[in-house]
Amino acid sequence: MPFVNGIGFLYRLRSHDAHKHIPVAIITGDSCVDDPALQEMHDLDAEVLFKPIWIEEVVSVTRSLLEKRRS
């Protein structure tokens, strides 16, 4: 993404009350994401998936995020 990375996007999104509970899945091709960055994204309530990714994984995570939002 130009101008902002995934963590920056999450902080901006979560800074607005109306967007605090929007389900987010981050799909990255960066295989060098370190543990602290992964933990930070999880702390911001995002699922992180790594490429290559199968459509079944996208569907599964989408379902999971929607279920989580309903409860």
Protein backbone atom coordinates (compact mmCIF):
# COMPACT_ATOMS: atom_id res chain seq x y z
CA MET A 1 0.00 0.00 0.00
CA PRO A 2 1.39 3.41 -0.81
CA PHE A 3 2.02 5.85 2.06
CA VAL A 4 1.04 3.49 4.91
CA ASN A 5 1.70 -0.11 5.95
CA GLY A 6 -0.80 -2.55 7.45
CA ILE A 7 -0.15 -1.53 11.04
CA GLY A 8 -0.48 2.16 10.17
CA PHE A 9 -3.76 1.41 8.42
CA LEU A 10 -5.05 -0.46 11.47
CA TYR A 11 -4.16 2.37 13.83
CA ARG A 12 -5.94 4.87 11.59
CA LEU A 13 -8.99 2.63 11.24
CA ARG A 14 -9.22 1.82 14.95
CA SER A 15 -8.81 5.49 15.93
CA HIS A 16 -12.40 6.17 14.82
CA ASP A 17 -15.11 4.91 17.19
CA ALA A 18 -17.33 3.86 14.29
CA HIS A 19 -14.55 1.63 12.91
CA LYS A 20 -13.25 -0.01 16.08
CA HIS A 21 -15.04 -3.30 15.45
CA ILE A 22 -14.80 -3.65 11.67
CA PRO A 23 -13.40 -7.10 10.88
CA VAL A 24 -9.97 -6.90 9.23
CA ALA A 25 -7.84 -9.50 7.51
CA ILE A 26 -4.40 -8.50 6.31
CA ILE A 27 -2.94 -10.52 3.46
CA THR A 28 0.77 -9.96 3.04
CA GLY A 29 3.50 -11.19 0.80
CA ASP A 30 6.11 -10.11 3.34
CA SER A 31 7.45 -13.32 4.80
CA CYS A 32 9.76 -11.37 7.13
CA VAL A 33 7.07 -9.93 9.42
CA ASP A 34 8.51 -10.25 12.90
CA ASP A 35 6.71 -11.54 15.99
CA PRO A 36 6.23 -8.12 17.62
CA ALA A 37 4.58 -6.77 14.45
CA LEU A 38 2.34 -9.84 14.22
CA GLN A 39 1.37 -9.43 17.86
CA GLU A 40 0.63 -5.75 17.31
CA MET A 41 -1.71 -6.57 14.41
CA HIS A 42 -3.45 -9.23 16.50
CA ASP A 43 -3.74 -6.74 19.39
CA LEU A 44 -5.48 -4.42 16.92
CA ASP A 45 -7.94 -7.26 16.26
CA ALA A 46 -6.76 -8.23 12.79
CA GLU A 47 -6.16 -11.63 11.25
CA VAL A 48 -2.92 -11.95 9.31
CA LEU A 49 -2.54 -14.27 6.32
CA PHE A 50 0.57 -14.87 4.26
CA LYS A 51 0.80 -15.32 0.50
CA PRO A 52 0.53 -17.60 -1.29
CA ILE A 53 -2.99 -18.09 -0.06
CA TRP A 54 -5.79 -20.35 -1.21
CA ILE A 55 -9.32 -19.10 -1.70
CA GLU A 56 -10.50 -21.60 0.93
CA GLU A 57 -8.33 -19.80 3.49
CA VAL A 58 -9.84 -16.44 2.55
CA VAL A 59 -13.35 -17.85 2.84
CA SER A 60 -12.56 -19.48 6.19
CA VAL A 61 -11.07 -16.31 7.70
CA THR A 62 -13.93 -14.22 6.33
CA ARG A 63 -16.47 -16.53 7.95
CA SER A 64 -14.54 -16.48 11.20
CA LEU A 65 -14.36 -12.68 11.26
CA LEU A 66 -18.08 -12.37 10.53
CA GLU A 67 -18.95 -14.90 13.24
CA LYS A 68 -16.75 -13.06 15.71
CA ARG A 69 -18.47 -9.78 14.87
CA ARG A 70 -21.93 -11.28 15.43
CA SER A 71 -21.07 -12.44 18.94
